[in-house]
């Protein structure tokens, strides 16, 4: 890694968490490792990107949610991640009437975002953001 790149990383440490993670992530994606150390640089780059995502983990939000098809919703997170979640297996197993009513598409499509959370009704059905981010419900 060049001295200039190291200096930018050190400067980034003084920024607030979100700005720091964003700057470091952009920087990591912009530089190309030297050909003599490609594997080491690639491993280091991936580890640093993982740490950047960890900085924002406490501030993870869903910033977009669009109906896809069936019981699937396309979710966009504040770190740029997109994931299509299929809620059908969860709804099929549900026994609570407050949840089973969302098996009907007209009810399922009535989801909304509430302060970065995906929810239906007045907190009738809501999932932890981290679980949605990881694709596990």
N, C-alpha and C. Protein backbone atom coordinates (compact mmCIF):
# COMPACT_ATOMS: atom_id res chain seq x y z
N UNK A 1 0.86 -1.17 0.00
CA UNK A 1 0.00 0.00 0.00
C UNK A 1 0.90 1.23 0.00
N UNK A 2 0.52 2.22 -0.77
CA UNK A 2 1.35 3.42 -0.87
C UNK A 2 1.23 4.27 0.39
N UNK A 3 2.20 5.15 0.56
CA UNK A 3 2.19 6.06 1.72
C UNK A 3 0.98 6.98 1.64
N UNK A 4 0.63 7.42 0.44
CA UNK A 4 -0.53 8.29 0.25
C UNK A 4 -1.82 7.58 0.68
N UNK A 5 -1.98 6.34 0.30
CA UNK A 5 -3.17 5.57 0.68
C UNK A 5 -3.24 5.42 2.19
N UNK A 6 -2.10 5.12 2.82
CA UNK A 6 -2.08 5.00 4.28
C UNK A 6 -2.47 6.31 4.94
N UNK A 7 -2.01 7.43 4.41
CA UNK A 7 -2.33 8.74 4.98
C UNK A 7 -3.84 9.01 4.89
N UNK A 8 -4.45 8.61 3.78
CA UNK A 8 -5.90 8.80 3.63
C UNK A 8 -6.65 7.95 4.65
N UNK A 9 -6.19 6.72 4.87
CA UNK A 9 -6.82 5.86 5.87
C UNK A 9 -6.72 6.48 7.26
N UNK A 10 -5.55 7.01 7.58
CA UNK A 10 -5.35 7.63 8.90
C UNK A 10 -6.26 8.84 9.05
N UNK A 11 -6.37 9.66 8.00
CA UNK A 11 -7.25 10.82 8.04
C UNK A 11 -8.70 10.39 8.21
N UNK A 12 -9.08 9.31 7.58
CA UNK A 12 -10.46 8.82 7.66
C UNK A 12 -10.84 8.44 9.09
N UNK A 13 -9.88 8.05 9.90
CA UNK A 13 -10.18 7.66 11.28
C UNK A 13 -10.76 8.80 12.10
N UNK A 14 -10.50 10.05 11.71
CA UNK A 14 -11.00 11.19 12.47
C UNK A 14 -12.44 11.56 12.10
N UNK A 15 -12.98 10.95 11.05
CA UNK A 15 -14.34 11.25 10.60
C UNK A 15 -15.37 10.49 11.43
N UNK A 16 -16.62 10.97 11.45
CA UNK A 16 -17.68 10.19 12.10
C UNK A 16 -17.80 8.82 11.45
N UNK A 17 -18.37 7.87 12.18
CA UNK A 17 -18.39 6.48 11.72
C UNK A 17 -18.94 6.31 10.31
N UNK A 18 -20.09 6.88 10.03
CA UNK A 18 -20.70 6.70 8.70
C UNK A 18 -19.82 7.28 7.61
N UNK A 19 -19.34 8.50 7.80
CA UNK A 19 -18.49 9.13 6.79
C UNK A 19 -17.19 8.36 6.64
N UNK A 20 -16.64 7.90 7.76
CA UNK A 20 -15.39 7.14 7.71
C UNK A 20 -15.56 5.85 6.92
N UNK A 21 -16.60 5.12 7.23
CA UNK A 21 -16.83 3.84 6.55
C UNK A 21 -17.05 4.07 5.06
N UNK A 22 -17.80 5.10 4.73
CA UNK A 22 -18.07 5.39 3.33
C UNK A 22 -16.80 5.77 2.58
N UNK A 23 -15.99 6.64 3.19
CA UNK A 23 -14.74 7.07 2.55
C UNK A 23 -13.78 5.91 2.38
N UNK A 24 -13.62 5.12 3.41
CA UNK A 24 -12.69 3.99 3.34
C UNK A 24 -13.17 2.98 2.31
N UNK A 25 -14.46 2.74 2.26
CA UNK A 25 -14.98 1.79 1.29
C UNK A 25 -14.73 2.28 -0.14
N UNK A 26 -14.98 3.56 -0.41
CA UNK A 26 -14.72 4.12 -1.73
C UNK A 26 -13.23 4.03 -2.07
N UNK A 27 -12.40 4.34 -1.10
CA UNK A 27 -10.96 4.29 -1.33
C UNK A 27 -10.52 2.86 -1.66
N UNK A 28 -11.02 1.90 -0.90
CA UNK A 28 -10.64 0.51 -1.14
C UNK A 28 -11.07 0.03 -2.51
N UNK A 29 -12.22 0.48 -2.94
CA UNK A 29 -12.71 0.05 -4.24
C UNK A 29 -11.99 0.76 -5.39
N UNK A 30 -11.32 1.87 -5.10
CA UNK A 30 -10.69 2.64 -6.16
C UNK A 30 -9.26 2.24 -6.47
N UNK A 31 -8.52 1.67 -5.51
CA UNK A 31 -7.12 1.39 -5.81
C UNK A 31 -6.93 -0.05 -6.29
N UNK A 32 -5.95 -0.22 -7.14
CA UNK A 32 -5.61 -1.53 -7.67
C UNK A 32 -4.34 -2.02 -6.98
N UNK A 33 -4.34 -3.23 -6.47
CA UNK A 33 -3.15 -3.74 -5.81
C UNK A 33 -2.01 -3.97 -6.81
N UNK A 34 -0.78 -3.90 -6.29
CA UNK A 34 0.37 -4.16 -7.14
C UNK A 34 0.39 -5.63 -7.54
N UNK A 35 0.85 -5.90 -8.75
CA UNK A 35 0.79 -7.26 -9.28
C UNK A 35 1.62 -8.25 -8.47
N UNK A 36 2.67 -7.79 -7.78
CA UNK A 36 3.53 -8.71 -7.04
C UNK A 36 2.87 -9.24 -5.77
N UNK A 37 1.84 -8.56 -5.29
CA UNK A 37 1.22 -8.98 -4.03
C UNK A 37 -0.30 -9.02 -4.17
N UNK A 38 -0.79 -9.48 -5.29
CA UNK A 38 -2.23 -9.47 -5.55
C UNK A 38 -3.04 -10.22 -4.51
N UNK A 39 -2.61 -11.40 -4.15
CA UNK A 39 -3.40 -12.21 -3.20
C UNK A 39 -3.44 -11.58 -1.82
N UNK A 40 -2.31 -11.09 -1.35
CA UNK A 40 -2.26 -10.45 -0.02
C UNK A 40 -3.11 -9.20 -0.01
N UNK A 41 -2.96 -8.36 -1.04
CA UNK A 41 -3.74 -7.12 -1.12
C UNK A 41 -5.23 -7.42 -1.23
N UNK A 42 -5.60 -8.42 -2.01
CA UNK A 42 -7.01 -8.76 -2.18
C UNK A 42 -7.62 -9.21 -0.85
N UNK A 43 -6.89 -10.03 -0.11
CA UNK A 43 -7.38 -10.50 1.18
C UNK A 43 -7.51 -9.34 2.16
N UNK A 44 -6.50 -8.45 2.15
CA UNK A 44 -6.54 -7.29 3.04
C UNK A 44 -7.71 -6.38 2.67
N UNK A 45 -7.91 -6.16 1.37
CA UNK A 45 -8.98 -5.30 0.88
C UNK A 45 -10.34 -5.84 1.32
N UNK A 46 -10.55 -7.16 1.19
CA UNK A 46 -11.82 -7.75 1.59
C UNK A 46 -12.04 -7.62 3.10
N UNK A 47 -10.99 -7.85 3.88
CA UNK A 47 -11.11 -7.72 5.34
C UNK A 47 -11.46 -6.29 5.72
N UNK A 48 -10.84 -5.32 5.05
CA UNK A 48 -11.13 -3.91 5.35
C UNK A 48 -12.55 -3.56 4.95
N UNK A 49 -13.02 -4.07 3.82
CA UNK A 49 -14.41 -3.82 3.41
C UNK A 49 -15.39 -4.40 4.43
N UNK A 50 -15.07 -5.59 4.93
CA UNK A 50 -15.92 -6.21 5.95
C UNK A 50 -15.97 -5.35 7.21
N UNK A 51 -14.82 -4.78 7.59
CA UNK A 51 -14.78 -3.90 8.77
C UNK A 51 -15.61 -2.64 8.52
N UNK A 52 -15.55 -2.09 7.30
CA UNK A 52 -16.33 -0.90 6.98
C UNK A 52 -17.82 -1.18 7.15
N UNK A 53 -18.26 -2.33 6.67
CA UNK A 53 -19.66 -2.68 6.83
C UNK A 53 -19.99 -2.86 8.31
N UNK A 54 -19.03 -3.34 9.08
CA UNK A 54 -19.23 -3.48 10.52
C UNK A 54 -19.40 -2.14 11.21
N UNK A 55 -18.71 -1.09 10.71
CA UNK A 55 -18.86 0.24 11.30
C UNK A 55 -20.30 0.71 11.19
N UNK A 56 -20.93 0.41 10.07
CA UNK A 56 -22.30 0.86 9.85
C UNK A 56 -23.34 -0.08 10.41
N UNK A 57 -22.93 -1.24 10.94
CA UNK A 57 -23.89 -2.23 11.40
C UNK A 57 -24.84 -1.67 12.45
N UNK A 58 -24.34 -0.79 13.31
CA UNK A 58 -25.19 -0.18 14.33
C UNK A 58 -26.16 0.82 13.75
N UNK A 59 -25.97 1.19 12.50
CA UNK A 59 -26.81 2.20 11.85
C UNK A 59 -27.47 1.63 10.61
N UNK A 60 -27.62 0.35 10.53
CA UNK A 60 -28.19 -0.29 9.35
C UNK A 60 -29.67 0.05 9.23
N UNK A 61 -30.06 0.49 8.02
CA UNK A 61 -31.45 0.85 7.77
C UNK A 61 -31.87 0.32 6.41
N UNK A 62 -33.15 0.09 6.27
CA UNK A 62 -33.71 -0.21 4.96
C UNK A 62 -34.15 1.14 4.38
N UNK A 63 -33.62 1.46 3.22
CA UNK A 63 -33.92 2.76 2.61
C UNK A 63 -34.88 2.64 1.44
N UNK A 64 -35.15 1.42 1.00
CA UNK A 64 -36.08 1.20 -0.09
C UNK A 64 -36.67 -0.19 -0.02
N UNK A 65 -37.93 -0.30 -0.34
CA UNK A 65 -38.61 -1.60 -0.36
C UNK A 65 -39.64 -1.57 -1.47
N UNK A 66 -39.48 -2.48 -2.43
CA UNK A 66 -40.41 -2.55 -3.55
C UNK A 66 -40.94 -3.97 -3.68
N UNK A 67 -42.23 -4.06 -3.94
CA UNK A 67 -42.84 -5.37 -4.17
C UNK A 67 -42.21 -5.96 -5.41
N UNK A 68 -41.83 -7.25 -5.34
CA UNK A 68 -41.23 -7.93 -6.49
C UNK A 68 -42.27 -8.83 -7.14
N UNK A 69 -42.55 -9.96 -6.54
CA UNK A 69 -43.53 -10.91 -7.05
C UNK A 69 -43.90 -11.86 -5.91
N UNK A 70 -45.08 -12.47 -5.99
CA UNK A 70 -45.48 -13.40 -4.93
C UNK A 70 -45.37 -12.74 -3.58
N UNK A 71 -44.64 -13.36 -2.70
CA UNK A 71 -44.38 -12.79 -1.37
C UNK A 71 -42.94 -12.32 -1.27
N UNK A 72 -42.42 -11.76 -2.33
CA UNK A 72 -41.04 -11.29 -2.37
C UNK A 72 -40.99 -9.76 -2.42
N UNK A 73 -40.03 -9.22 -1.68
CA UNK A 73 -39.82 -7.78 -1.64
C UNK A 73 -38.35 -7.51 -1.90
N UNK A 74 -38.07 -6.56 -2.76
CA UNK A 74 -36.71 -6.12 -3.06
C UNK A 74 -36.34 -5.04 -2.06
N UNK A 75 -35.37 -5.34 -1.21
CA UNK A 75 -34.95 -4.43 -0.15
C UNK A 75 -33.63 -3.75 -0.51
N UNK A 76 -33.54 -2.46 -0.22
CA UNK A 76 -32.30 -1.70 -0.39
C UNK A 76 -31.87 -1.18 0.98
N UNK A 77 -30.61 -1.42 1.32
CA UNK A 77 -30.08 -1.00 2.61
C UNK A 77 -29.20 0.24 2.45
N UNK A 78 -28.98 0.95 3.56
CA UNK A 78 -28.23 2.20 3.49
C UNK A 78 -26.74 2.01 3.16
N UNK A 79 -26.27 0.79 3.10
CA UNK A 79 -24.87 0.57 2.70
C UNK A 79 -24.77 0.18 1.22
N UNK A 80 -25.90 0.24 0.49
CA UNK A 80 -25.90 -0.07 -0.93
C UNK A 80 -26.26 -1.51 -1.25
N UNK A 81 -26.43 -2.35 -0.25
CA UNK A 81 -26.79 -3.74 -0.46
C UNK A 81 -28.26 -3.85 -0.90
N UNK A 82 -28.51 -4.73 -1.86
CA UNK A 82 -29.88 -5.04 -2.30
C UNK A 82 -30.11 -6.53 -2.07
N UNK A 83 -31.31 -6.87 -1.64
CA UNK A 83 -31.64 -8.27 -1.41
C UNK A 83 -33.13 -8.47 -1.67
N UNK A 84 -33.45 -9.51 -2.41
CA UNK A 84 -34.85 -9.87 -2.60
C UNK A 84 -35.18 -10.92 -1.55
N UNK A 85 -36.10 -10.59 -0.66
CA UNK A 85 -36.50 -11.49 0.42
C UNK A 85 -37.81 -12.17 0.05
N UNK A 86 -37.85 -13.48 0.26
CA UNK A 86 -39.06 -14.26 0.03
C UNK A 86 -39.69 -14.57 1.39
N UNK A 87 -40.83 -13.98 1.67
CA UNK A 87 -41.50 -14.15 2.95
C UNK A 87 -42.48 -15.33 2.94
N UNK A 88 -42.66 -15.96 1.80
CA UNK A 88 -43.63 -17.05 1.67
C UNK A 88 -43.36 -18.21 2.63
N UNK A 89 -42.11 -18.70 2.77
CA UNK A 89 -41.88 -19.80 3.73
C UNK A 89 -42.26 -19.42 5.16
N UNK A 90 -41.94 -18.18 5.55
CA UNK A 90 -42.30 -17.72 6.89
C UNK A 90 -43.81 -17.68 7.06
N UNK A 91 -44.50 -17.11 6.07
CA UNK A 91 -45.95 -16.98 6.17
C UNK A 91 -46.64 -18.34 6.14
N UNK A 92 -46.09 -19.28 5.40
CA UNK A 92 -46.67 -20.62 5.34
C UNK A 92 -46.62 -21.30 6.71
N UNK A 93 -45.56 -21.07 7.47
CA UNK A 93 -45.40 -21.71 8.79
C UNK A 93 -46.17 -20.98 9.89
N UNK A 94 -46.54 -19.73 9.66
CA UNK A 94 -47.17 -18.92 10.71
C UNK A 94 -48.54 -19.48 11.10
N UNK A 95 -48.86 -19.37 12.38
CA UNK A 95 -50.17 -19.81 12.87
C UNK A 95 -50.96 -18.66 13.50
N UNK A 96 -50.30 -17.57 13.83
CA UNK A 96 -50.95 -16.42 14.44
C UNK A 96 -51.82 -15.71 13.40
N UNK A 97 -53.12 -15.52 13.68
CA UNK A 97 -54.00 -14.86 12.70
C UNK A 97 -53.54 -13.46 12.31
N UNK A 98 -52.86 -12.76 13.23
CA UNK A 98 -52.35 -11.43 12.89
C UNK A 98 -51.28 -11.50 11.81
N UNK A 99 -50.63 -12.66 11.67
CA UNK A 99 -49.59 -12.87 10.66
C UNK A 99 -50.18 -13.57 9.43
N UNK A 100 -51.01 -14.58 9.65
CA UNK A 100 -51.51 -15.38 8.52
C UNK A 100 -52.34 -14.55 7.54
N UNK A 101 -52.90 -13.44 7.99
CA UNK A 101 -53.68 -12.61 7.07
C UNK A 101 -52.80 -12.03 5.96
N UNK A 102 -51.50 -12.01 6.17
CA UNK A 102 -50.58 -11.47 5.15
C UNK A 102 -50.25 -12.51 4.07
N UNK A 103 -50.84 -13.70 4.17
CA UNK A 103 -50.72 -14.66 3.08
C UNK A 103 -51.51 -14.18 1.86
N UNK A 104 -52.52 -13.38 2.10
CA UNK A 104 -53.29 -12.79 1.01
C UNK A 104 -52.49 -11.62 0.43
N UNK A 105 -52.25 -11.68 -0.88
CA UNK A 105 -51.40 -10.68 -1.51
C UNK A 105 -51.88 -9.25 -1.29
N UNK A 106 -53.18 -9.03 -1.27
CA UNK A 106 -53.67 -7.66 -1.07
C UNK A 106 -53.21 -7.11 0.28
N UNK A 107 -53.09 -7.98 1.29
CA UNK A 107 -52.59 -7.56 2.60
C UNK A 107 -51.06 -7.50 2.61
N UNK A 108 -50.43 -8.49 1.98
CA UNK A 108 -48.96 -8.55 1.96
C UNK A 108 -48.38 -7.29 1.32
N UNK A 109 -49.02 -6.81 0.28
CA UNK A 109 -48.49 -5.65 -0.45
C UNK A 109 -48.63 -4.34 0.32
N UNK A 110 -49.25 -4.38 1.49
CA UNK A 110 -49.46 -3.16 2.29
C UNK A 110 -48.30 -2.89 3.25
N UNK A 111 -47.11 -3.37 2.95
CA UNK A 111 -45.94 -3.11 3.80
C UNK A 111 -45.52 -1.64 3.66
N UNK A 112 -44.77 -1.18 4.63
CA UNK A 112 -44.22 0.18 4.56
C UNK A 112 -42.94 0.24 5.38
N UNK A 113 -42.19 1.30 5.17
CA UNK A 113 -40.97 1.53 5.96
C UNK A 113 -41.31 2.49 7.09
N UNK A 114 -40.81 2.15 8.27
CA UNK A 114 -41.03 2.97 9.45
C UNK A 114 -39.68 3.16 10.13
N UNK A 115 -39.09 4.34 9.96
CA UNK A 115 -37.76 4.64 10.53
C UNK A 115 -36.73 3.56 10.19
N UNK A 116 -36.71 3.14 8.93
CA UNK A 116 -35.72 2.17 8.47
C UNK A 116 -36.10 0.72 8.69
N UNK A 117 -37.26 0.45 9.26
CA UNK A 117 -37.74 -0.91 9.47
C UNK A 117 -38.83 -1.22 8.44
N UNK A 118 -38.85 -2.48 7.99
CA UNK A 118 -39.93 -2.96 7.13
C UNK A 118 -41.02 -3.52 8.02
N UNK A 119 -42.24 -3.02 7.83
CA UNK A 119 -43.31 -3.50 8.70
C UNK A 119 -44.65 -3.52 7.98
N UNK A 120 -45.56 -4.27 8.55
CA UNK A 120 -46.93 -4.36 8.09
C UNK A 120 -47.83 -3.94 9.24
N UNK A 121 -48.89 -3.21 8.90
CA UNK A 121 -49.82 -2.77 9.94
C UNK A 121 -49.13 -1.88 10.96
N UNK A 122 -49.65 -1.92 12.16
CA UNK A 122 -49.07 -1.15 13.26
C UNK A 122 -48.21 -2.10 14.09
N UNK A 123 -47.06 -2.45 13.55
CA UNK A 123 -46.12 -3.40 14.17
C UNK A 123 -46.70 -4.81 14.25
N UNK A 124 -47.67 -5.15 13.39
CA UNK A 124 -48.22 -6.50 13.40
C UNK A 124 -47.19 -7.52 12.92
N UNK A 125 -46.45 -7.13 11.89
CA UNK A 125 -45.40 -8.02 11.38
C UNK A 125 -44.19 -7.15 11.07
N UNK A 126 -43.08 -7.47 11.73
CA UNK A 126 -41.84 -6.71 11.59
C UNK A 126 -40.68 -7.67 11.84
N UNK A 127 -39.57 -7.45 11.18
CA UNK A 127 -38.42 -8.34 11.29
C UNK A 127 -37.18 -7.53 11.66
N UNK A 128 -36.25 -8.13 12.42
CA UNK A 128 -34.99 -7.44 12.72
C UNK A 128 -34.24 -7.12 11.42
N UNK A 129 -33.75 -5.91 11.30
CA UNK A 129 -33.05 -5.47 10.09
C UNK A 129 -31.85 -6.37 9.81
N UNK A 130 -31.12 -6.77 10.83
CA UNK A 130 -29.94 -7.60 10.63
C UNK A 130 -30.30 -8.93 9.98
N UNK A 131 -31.47 -9.49 10.38
CA UNK A 131 -31.91 -10.76 9.78
C UNK A 131 -32.25 -10.57 8.31
N UNK A 132 -32.94 -9.49 7.98
CA UNK A 132 -33.28 -9.21 6.59
C UNK A 132 -32.01 -8.97 5.77
N UNK A 133 -31.07 -8.26 6.37
CA UNK A 133 -29.80 -7.97 5.69
C UNK A 133 -29.05 -9.26 5.35
N UNK A 134 -29.10 -10.22 6.27
CA UNK A 134 -28.41 -11.49 6.06
C UNK A 134 -29.27 -12.49 5.26
N UNK A 135 -30.51 -12.13 4.99
CA UNK A 135 -31.38 -13.02 4.23
C UNK A 135 -31.98 -14.14 5.04
N UNK A 136 -32.09 -13.93 6.35
CA UNK A 136 -32.60 -14.97 7.25
C UNK A 136 -33.84 -14.46 7.97
N UNK A 137 -34.94 -15.18 7.79
CA UNK A 137 -36.13 -14.84 8.58
C UNK A 137 -36.79 -16.13 9.03
